[in-house]
PDB file of all heavy atoms in Angstrom:
ATOM      1  N   LEU A   1      -5.096 -29.466   5.041  1.00  0.00           N
ATOM      2  CA  LEU A   1      -5.806 -28.236   4.701  1.00  0.00           C
ATOM      3  C   LEU A   1      -6.667 -27.895   5.908  1.00  0.00           C
ATOM      4  O   LEU A   1      -7.603 -28.618   6.240  1.00  0.00           O
ATOM      5  CB  LEU A   1      -6.675 -28.430   3.456  1.00  0.00           C
ATOM      6  CG  LEU A   1      -7.462 -27.183   3.007  1.00  0.00           C
ATOM      7  CD1 LEU A   1      -6.506 -26.103   2.506  1.00  0.00           C
ATOM      8  CD2 LEU A   1      -8.476 -27.545   1.919  1.00  0.00           C
ATOM      9  N   ALA A   2      -6.342 -26.800   6.592  1.00  0.00           N
ATOM     10  CA  ALA A   2      -7.016 -26.468   7.852  1.00  0.00           C
ATOM     11  C   ALA A   2      -7.873 -25.222   7.751  1.00  0.00           C
ATOM     12  O   ALA A   2      -8.509 -24.831   8.741  1.00  0.00           O
ATOM     13  CB  ALA A   2      -5.974 -26.286   8.961  1.00  0.00           C
ATOM     14  N   SER A   3      -7.913 -24.595   6.576  1.00  0.00           N
ATOM     15  CA  SER A   3      -8.757 -23.410   6.410  1.00  0.00           C
ATOM     16  C   SER A   3      -9.255 -23.347   4.976  1.00  0.00           C
ATOM     17  O   SER A   3      -8.742 -24.027   4.090  1.00  0.00           O
ATOM     18  CB  SER A   3      -7.981 -22.138   6.762  1.00  0.00           C
ATOM     19  OG  SER A   3      -6.886 -21.966   5.891  1.00  0.00           O
ATOM     20  N   ASP A   4     -10.262 -22.533   4.754  1.00  0.00           N
ATOM     21  CA  ASP A   4     -10.812 -22.375   3.412  1.00  0.00           C
ATOM     22  C   ASP A   4      -9.757 -21.741   2.505  1.00  0.00           C
ATOM     23  O   ASP A   4      -9.012 -20.856   2.933  1.00  0.00           O
ATOM     24  CB  ASP A   4     -12.055 -21.486   3.458  1.00  0.00           C
ATOM     25  CG  ASP A   4     -13.083 -21.987   4.464  1.00  0.00           C
ATOM     26  OD1 ASP A   4     -13.203 -23.210   4.609  1.00  0.00           O
ATOM     27  OD2 ASP A   4     -13.746 -21.152   5.102  1.00  0.00           O
ATOM     28  N   ASN A   5      -9.732 -22.172   1.262  1.00  0.00           N
ATOM     29  CA  ASN A   5      -8.709 -21.617   0.363  1.00  0.00           C
ATOM     30  C   ASN A   5      -9.280 -20.569  -0.583  1.00  0.00           C
ATOM     31  O   ASN A   5      -8.677 -20.245  -1.599  1.00  0.00           O
ATOM     32  CB  ASN A   5      -7.996 -22.729  -0.417  1.00  0.00           C
ATOM     33  CG  ASN A   5      -8.874 -23.375  -1.479  1.00  0.00           C
ATOM     34  OD1 ASN A   5     -10.040 -23.011  -1.679  1.00  0.00           O
ATOM     35  ND2 ASN A   5      -8.321 -24.350  -2.183  1.00  0.00           N
ATOM     36  N   LEU A   6     -10.448 -20.028  -0.223  1.00  0.00           N
ATOM     37  CA  LEU A   6     -11.102 -19.061  -1.096  1.00  0.00           C
ATOM     38  C   LEU A   6     -11.046 -17.633  -0.564  1.00  0.00           C
ATOM     39  O   LEU A   6     -11.320 -16.687  -1.298  1.00  0.00           O
ATOM     40  CB  LEU A   6     -12.573 -19.451  -1.303  1.00  0.00           C
ATOM     41  CG  LEU A   6     -12.784 -20.837  -1.892  1.00  0.00           C
ATOM     42  CD1 LEU A   6     -13.561 -21.709  -0.927  1.00  0.00           C
ATOM     43  CD2 LEU A   6     -13.491 -20.760  -3.210  1.00  0.00           C
ATOM     44  N   VAL A   7     -10.740 -17.471   0.718  1.00  0.00           N
ATOM     45  CA  VAL A   7     -10.720 -16.131   1.305  1.00  0.00           C
ATOM     46  C   VAL A   7      -9.549 -15.344   0.740  1.00  0.00           C
ATOM     47  O   VAL A   7      -8.394 -15.762   0.862  1.00  0.00           O
ATOM     48  CB  VAL A   7     -10.621 -16.207   2.846  1.00  0.00           C
ATOM     49  CG1 VAL A   7     -10.599 -14.799   3.446  1.00  0.00           C
ATOM     50  CG2 VAL A   7     -11.799 -16.998   3.412  1.00  0.00           C
ATOM     51  N   ARG A   8      -9.824 -14.217   0.124  1.00  0.00           N
ATOM     52  CA  ARG A   8      -8.781 -13.395  -0.496  1.00  0.00           C
ATOM     53  C   ARG A   8      -8.428 -12.238   0.443  1.00  0.00           C
ATOM     54  O   ARG A   8      -9.082 -11.193   0.441  1.00  0.00           O
ATOM     55  CB  ARG A   8      -9.251 -12.882  -1.861  1.00  0.00           C
ATOM     56  CG  ARG A   8      -9.484 -13.986  -2.884  1.00  0.00           C
ATOM     57  CD  ARG A   8      -9.667 -13.440  -4.283  1.00  0.00           C
ATOM     58  NE  ARG A   8     -10.904 -12.694  -4.430  1.00  0.00           N
ATOM     59  CZ  ARG A   8     -12.092 -13.255  -4.735  1.00  0.00           C
ATOM     60  NH1 ARG A   8     -12.173 -14.559  -4.916  1.00  0.00           N
ATOM     61  NH2 ARG A   8     -13.160 -12.513  -4.857  1.00  0.00           N
ATOM     62  N   ARG A   9      -7.388 -12.451   1.219  1.00  0.00           N
ATOM     63  CA  ARG A   9      -6.979 -11.446   2.203  1.00  0.00           C
ATOM     64  C   ARG A   9      -6.425 -10.192   1.538  1.00  0.00           C
ATOM     65  O   ARG A   9      -6.480  -9.099   2.123  1.00  0.00           O
ATOM     66  CB  ARG A   9      -5.920 -12.032   3.132  1.00  0.00           C
ATOM     67  CG  ARG A   9      -6.423 -13.176   3.979  1.00  0.00           C
ATOM     68  CD  ARG A   9      -5.293 -13.832   4.753  1.00  0.00           C
ATOM     69  NE  ARG A   9      -5.798 -14.878   5.621  1.00  0.00           N
ATOM     70  CZ  ARG A   9      -6.298 -14.665   6.829  1.00  0.00           C
ATOM     71  NH1 ARG A   9      -6.324 -13.431   7.316  1.00  0.00           N
ATOM     72  NH2 ARG A   9      -6.748 -15.671   7.553  1.00  0.00           N
ATOM     73  N   ASP A  10      -5.876 -10.365   0.340  1.00  0.00           N
ATOM     74  CA  ASP A  10      -5.214  -9.234  -0.308  1.00  0.00           C
ATOM     75  C   ASP A  10      -6.109  -8.501  -1.291  1.00  0.00           C
ATOM     76  O   ASP A  10      -5.651  -7.578  -1.980  1.00  0.00           O
ATOM     77  CB  ASP A  10      -3.966  -9.719  -1.049  1.00  0.00           C
ATOM     78  CG  ASP A  10      -4.304 -10.744  -2.143  1.00  0.00           C
ATOM     79  OD1 ASP A  10      -5.442 -11.271  -2.127  1.00  0.00           O
ATOM     80  OD2 ASP A  10      -3.425 -11.018  -2.985  1.00  0.00           O
ATOM     81  N   THR A  11      -7.381  -8.863  -1.363  1.00  0.00           N
ATOM     82  CA  THR A  11      -8.230  -8.197  -2.344  1.00  0.00           C
ATOM     83  C   THR A  11      -8.560  -6.783  -1.887  1.00  0.00           C
ATOM     84  O   THR A  11      -8.527  -6.459  -0.692  1.00  0.00           O
ATOM     85  CB  THR A  11      -9.520  -8.995  -2.596  1.00  0.00           C
ATOM     86  OG1 THR A  11     -10.144  -8.491  -3.787  1.00  0.00           O
ATOM     87  CG2 THR A  11     -10.507  -8.856  -1.441  1.00  0.00           C
ATOM     88  N   THR A  12      -8.869  -5.944  -2.832  1.00  0.00           N
ATOM     89  CA  THR A  12      -9.242  -4.559  -2.564  1.00  0.00           C
ATOM     90  C   THR A  12     -10.449  -4.209  -3.415  1.00  0.00           C
ATOM     91  O   THR A  12     -10.796  -4.934  -4.367  1.00  0.00           O
ATOM     92  CB  THR A  12      -8.097  -3.598  -2.932  1.00  0.00           C
ATOM     93  OG1 THR A  12      -7.849  -3.692  -4.349  1.00  0.00           O
ATOM     94  CG2 THR A  12      -6.820  -3.937  -2.163  1.00  0.00           C
ATOM     95  N   TYR A  13     -11.063  -3.104  -3.099  1.00  0.00           N
ATOM     96  CA  TYR A  13     -12.189  -2.668  -3.920  1.00  0.00           C
ATOM     97  C   TYR A  13     -11.725  -2.443  -5.360  1.00  0.00           C
ATOM     98  O   TYR A  13     -12.421  -2.802  -6.317  1.00  0.00           O
ATOM     99  CB  TYR A  13     -12.806  -1.384  -3.362  1.00  0.00           C
ATOM    100  CG  TYR A  13     -13.800  -0.780  -4.312  1.00  0.00           C
ATOM    101  CD1 TYR A  13     -15.040  -1.377  -4.543  1.00  0.00           C
ATOM    102  CD2 TYR A  13     -13.482   0.374  -5.045  1.00  0.00           C
ATOM    103  CE1 TYR A  13     -15.939  -0.841  -5.456  1.00  0.00           C
ATOM    104  CE2 TYR A  13     -14.370   0.913  -5.959  1.00  0.00           C
ATOM    105  CZ  TYR A  13     -15.598   0.302  -6.155  1.00  0.00           C
ATOM    106  OH  TYR A  13     -16.478   0.817  -7.072  1.00  0.00           O
ATOM    107  N   GLU A  14     -10.547  -1.879  -5.525  1.00  0.00           N
ATOM    108  CA  GLU A  14     -10.040  -1.599  -6.865  1.00  0.00           C
ATOM    109  C   GLU A  14      -9.850  -2.882  -7.671  1.00  0.00           C
ATOM    110  O   GLU A  14     -10.162  -2.932  -8.871  1.00  0.00           O
ATOM    111  CB  GLU A  14      -8.716  -0.830  -6.776  1.00  0.00           C
ATOM    112  CG  GLU A  14      -8.846   0.606  -6.296  1.00  0.00           C
ATOM    113  CD  GLU A  14      -9.162   0.720  -4.809  1.00  0.00           C
ATOM    114  OE1 GLU A  14      -8.865  -0.246  -4.058  1.00  0.00           O
ATOM    115  OE2 GLU A  14      -9.712   1.759  -4.395  1.00  0.00           O
ATOM    116  N   LYS A  15      -9.354  -3.928  -7.019  1.00  0.00           N
ATOM    117  CA  LYS A  15      -9.184  -5.208  -7.718  1.00  0.00           C
ATOM    118  C   LYS A  15     -10.535  -5.793  -8.124  1.00  0.00           C
ATOM    119  O   LYS A  15     -10.696  -6.319  -9.235  1.00  0.00           O
ATOM    120  CB  LYS A  15      -8.438  -6.195  -6.828  1.00  0.00           C
ATOM    121  CG  LYS A  15      -6.965  -5.873  -6.629  1.00  0.00           C
ATOM    122  CD  LYS A  15      -6.298  -6.923  -5.746  1.00  0.00           C
ATOM    123  CE  LYS A  15      -4.819  -6.619  -5.554  1.00  0.00           C
ATOM    124  NZ  LYS A  15      -4.152  -7.618  -4.673  1.00  0.00           N
ATOM    125  N   LEU A  16     -11.504  -5.728  -7.235  1.00  0.00           N
ATOM    126  CA  LEU A  16     -12.836  -6.259  -7.544  1.00  0.00           C
ATOM    127  C   LEU A  16     -13.500  -5.444  -8.643  1.00  0.00           C
ATOM    128  O   LEU A  16     -14.161  -5.996  -9.532  1.00  0.00           O
ATOM    129  CB  LEU A  16     -13.703  -6.259  -6.283  1.00  0.00           C
ATOM    130  CG  LEU A  16     -13.290  -7.259  -5.197  1.00  0.00           C
ATOM    131  CD1 LEU A  16     -14.041  -6.992  -3.897  1.00  0.00           C
ATOM    132  CD2 LEU A  16     -13.543  -8.693  -5.656  1.00  0.00           C
ATOM    133  N   ALA A  17     -13.326  -4.136  -8.592  1.00  0.00           N
ATOM    134  CA  ALA A  17     -13.957  -3.264  -9.583  1.00  0.00           C
ATOM    135  C   ALA A  17     -13.361  -3.453 -10.976  1.00  0.00           C
ATOM    136  O   ALA A  17     -13.999  -3.116 -11.981  1.00  0.00           O
ATOM    137  CB  ALA A  17     -13.820  -1.806  -9.150  1.00  0.00           C
ATOM    138  N   ALA A  18     -12.139  -3.996 -11.047  1.00  0.00           N
ATOM    139  CA  ALA A  18     -11.476  -4.185 -12.342  1.00  0.00           C
ATOM    140  C   ALA A  18     -11.948  -5.439 -13.075  1.00  0.00           C
ATOM    141  O   ALA A  18     -11.664  -5.606 -14.264  1.00  0.00           O
ATOM    142  CB  ALA A  18      -9.964  -4.244 -12.145  1.00  0.00           C
ATOM    143  N   LEU A  19     -12.649  -6.316 -12.375  1.00  0.00           N
ATOM    144  CA  LEU A  19     -13.116  -7.559 -12.999  1.00  0.00           C
ATOM    145  C   LEU A  19     -14.263  -7.290 -13.966  1.00  0.00           C
ATOM    146  O   LEU A  19     -15.101  -6.419 -13.735  1.00  0.00           O
ATOM    147  CB  LEU A  19     -13.566  -8.550 -11.917  1.00  0.00           C
ATOM    148  CG  LEU A  19     -12.482  -9.006 -10.933  1.00  0.00           C
ATOM    149  CD1 LEU A  19     -13.092  -9.869  -9.841  1.00  0.00           C
ATOM    150  CD2 LEU A  19     -11.390  -9.774 -11.673  1.00  0.00           C
ATOM    151  N   LYS A  20     -14.311  -8.081 -15.024  1.00  0.00           N
ATOM    152  CA  LYS A  20     -15.348  -7.896 -16.028  1.00  0.00           C
ATOM    153  C   LYS A  20     -16.577  -8.754 -15.705  1.00  0.00           C
ATOM    154  O   LYS A  20     -16.456  -9.827 -15.116  1.00  0.00           O
ATOM    155  CB  LYS A  20     -14.810  -8.266 -17.415  1.00  0.00           C
ATOM    156  CG  LYS A  20     -13.699  -7.332 -17.901  1.00  0.00           C
ATOM    157  CD  LYS A  20     -13.244  -7.714 -19.294  1.00  0.00           C
ATOM    158  CE  LYS A  20     -12.164  -6.751 -19.785  1.00  0.00           C
ATOM    159  NZ  LYS A  20     -11.705  -7.104 -21.154  1.00  0.00           N
ATOM    160  N   PRO A  21     -17.767  -8.302 -16.093  1.00  0.00           N
ATOM    161  CA  PRO A  21     -18.976  -9.099 -15.893  1.00  0.00           C
ATOM    162  C   PRO A  21     -18.857 -10.458 -16.570  1.00  0.00           C
ATOM    163  O   PRO A  21     -18.247 -10.576 -17.634  1.00  0.00           O
ATOM    164  CB  PRO A  21     -20.077  -8.248 -16.542  1.00  0.00           C
ATOM    165  CG  PRO A  21     -19.534  -6.850 -16.515  1.00  0.00           C
ATOM    166  CD  PRO A  21     -18.057  -6.993 -16.703  1.00  0.00           C
ATOM    167  N   VAL A  22     -19.423 -11.471 -15.944  1.00  0.00           N
ATOM    168  CA  VAL A  22     -19.277 -12.842 -16.430  1.00  0.00           C
ATOM    169  C   VAL A  22     -20.492 -13.298 -17.230  1.00  0.00           C
ATOM    170  O   VAL A  22     -20.352 -14.003 -18.230  1.00  0.00           O
ATOM    171  CB  VAL A  22     -19.056 -13.802 -15.237  1.00  0.00           C
ATOM    172  CG1 VAL A  22     -19.034 -15.247 -15.699  1.00  0.00           C
ATOM    173  CG2 VAL A  22     -17.755 -13.465 -14.521  1.00  0.00           C
ATOM    174  N   PHE A  23     -21.673 -12.907 -16.819  1.00  0.00           N
ATOM    175  CA  PHE A  23     -22.884 -13.467 -17.431  1.00  0.00           C
ATOM    176  C   PHE A  23     -23.447 -12.555 -18.512  1.00  0.00           C
ATOM    177  O   PHE A  23     -23.592 -12.963 -19.662  1.00  0.00           O
ATOM    178  CB  PHE A  23     -23.918 -13.740 -16.332  1.00  0.00           C
ATOM    179  CG  PHE A  23     -23.411 -14.694 -15.289  1.00  0.00           C
ATOM    180  CD1 PHE A  23     -22.875 -14.234 -14.093  1.00  0.00           C
ATOM    181  CD2 PHE A  23     -23.417 -16.062 -15.513  1.00  0.00           C
ATOM    182  CE1 PHE A  23     -22.386 -15.106 -13.137  1.00  0.00           C
ATOM    183  CE2 PHE A  23     -22.922 -16.948 -14.569  1.00  0.00           C
ATOM    184  CZ  PHE A  23     -22.395 -16.461 -13.380  1.00  0.00           C
ATOM    185  N   ASP A  24     -23.782 -11.331 -18.168  1.00  0.00           N
ATOM    186  CA  ASP A  24     -24.190 -10.351 -19.163  1.00  0.00           C
ATOM    187  C   ASP A  24     -22.973  -9.454 -19.393  1.00  0.00           C
ATOM    188  O   ASP A  24     -22.732  -8.498 -18.654  1.00  0.00           O
ATOM    189  CB  ASP A  24     -25.378  -9.533 -18.645  1.00  0.00           C
ATOM    190  CG  ASP A  24     -25.878  -8.511 -19.664  1.00  0.00           C
ATOM    191  OD1 ASP A  24     -25.141  -8.233 -20.631  1.00  0.00           O
ATOM    192  OD2 ASP A  24     -26.985  -7.987 -19.477  1.00  0.00           O
ATOM    193  N   ARG A  25     -22.197  -9.783 -20.397  1.00  0.00           N
ATOM    194  CA  ARG A  25     -20.910  -9.122 -20.595  1.00  0.00           C
ATOM    195  C   ARG A  25     -21.039  -7.670 -21.060  1.00  0.00           C
ATOM    196  O   ARG A  25     -20.088  -6.894 -20.970  1.00  0.00           O
ATOM    197  CB  ARG A  25     -20.067  -9.918 -21.597  1.00  0.00           C
ATOM    198  CG  ARG A  25     -19.734 -11.323 -21.103  1.00  0.00           C
ATOM    199  CD  ARG A  25     -18.904 -12.098 -22.108  1.00  0.00           C
ATOM    200  NE  ARG A  25     -18.682 -13.466 -21.667  1.00  0.00           N
ATOM    201  CZ  ARG A  25     -17.702 -13.855 -20.862  1.00  0.00           C
ATOM    202  NH1 ARG A  25     -16.845 -12.956 -20.413  1.00  0.00           N
ATOM    203  NH2 ARG A  25     -17.572 -15.122 -20.518  1.00  0.00           N
ATOM    204  N   THR A  26     -22.207  -7.304 -21.539  1.00  0.00           N
ATOM    205  CA  THR A  26     -22.400  -5.939 -22.033  1.00  0.00           C
ATOM    206  C   THR A  26     -23.019  -5.025 -20.976  1.00  0.00           C
ATOM    207  O   THR A  26     -22.518  -3.924 -20.726  1.00  0.00           O
ATOM    208  CB  THR A  26     -23.296  -5.945 -23.283  1.00  0.00           C
ATOM    209  OG1 THR A  26     -22.724  -6.802 -24.272  1.00  0.00           O
ATOM    210  CG2 THR A  26     -23.429  -4.533 -23.855  1.00  0.00           C
ATOM    211  N   TYR A  27     -24.081  -5.489 -20.356  1.00  0.00           N
ATOM    212  CA  TYR A  27     -24.803  -4.633 -19.412  1.00  0.00           C
ATOM    213  C   TYR A  27     -24.791  -5.173 -17.972  1.00  0.00           C
ATOM    214  O   TYR A  27     -25.373  -4.563 -17.078  1.00  0.00           O
ATOM    215  CB  TYR A  27     -26.266  -4.482 -19.857  1.00  0.00           C
ATOM    216  CG  TYR A  27     -26.409  -3.936 -21.252  1.00  0.00           C
ATOM    217  CD1 TYR A  27     -26.807  -4.752 -22.305  1.00  0.00           C
ATOM    218  CD2 TYR A  27     -26.145  -2.598 -21.526  1.00  0.00           C
ATOM    219  CE1 TYR A  27     -26.941  -4.257 -23.598  1.00  0.00           C
ATOM    220  CE2 TYR A  27     -26.280  -2.082 -22.816  1.00  0.00           C
ATOM    221  CZ  TYR A  27     -26.680  -2.926 -23.841  1.00  0.00           C
ATOM    222  OH  TYR A  27     -26.813  -2.418 -25.114  1.00  0.00           O
ATOM    223  N   GLY A  28     -24.142  -6.303 -17.738  1.00  0.00           N
ATOM    224  CA  GLY A  28     -24.210  -6.935 -16.430  1.00  0.00           C
ATOM    225  C   GLY A  28     -23.280  -6.328 -15.400  1.00  0.00           C
ATOM    226  O   GLY A  28     -22.386  -5.530 -15.708  1.00  0.00           O
ATOM    227  N   SER A  29     -23.491  -6.736 -14.140  1.00  0.00           N
ATOM    228  CA  SER A  29     -22.659  -6.254 -13.031  1.00  0.00           C
ATOM    229  C   SER A  29     -22.171  -7.392 -12.149  1.00  0.00           C
ATOM    230  O   SER A  29     -21.439  -7.157 -11.191  1.00  0.00           O
ATOM    231  CB  SER A  29     -23.453  -5.250 -12.185  1.00  0.00           C
ATOM    232  OG  SER A  29     -24.665  -5.822 -11.724  1.00  0.00           O
TER     233      SER A  29
END
């Protein structure tokens, strides 16, 4: 393993915006 396995090269703003809040599921961001 020669590099970090967390960097998401294929992510987009649209993909990130589609994720749901994790902690405050009603009003959180």
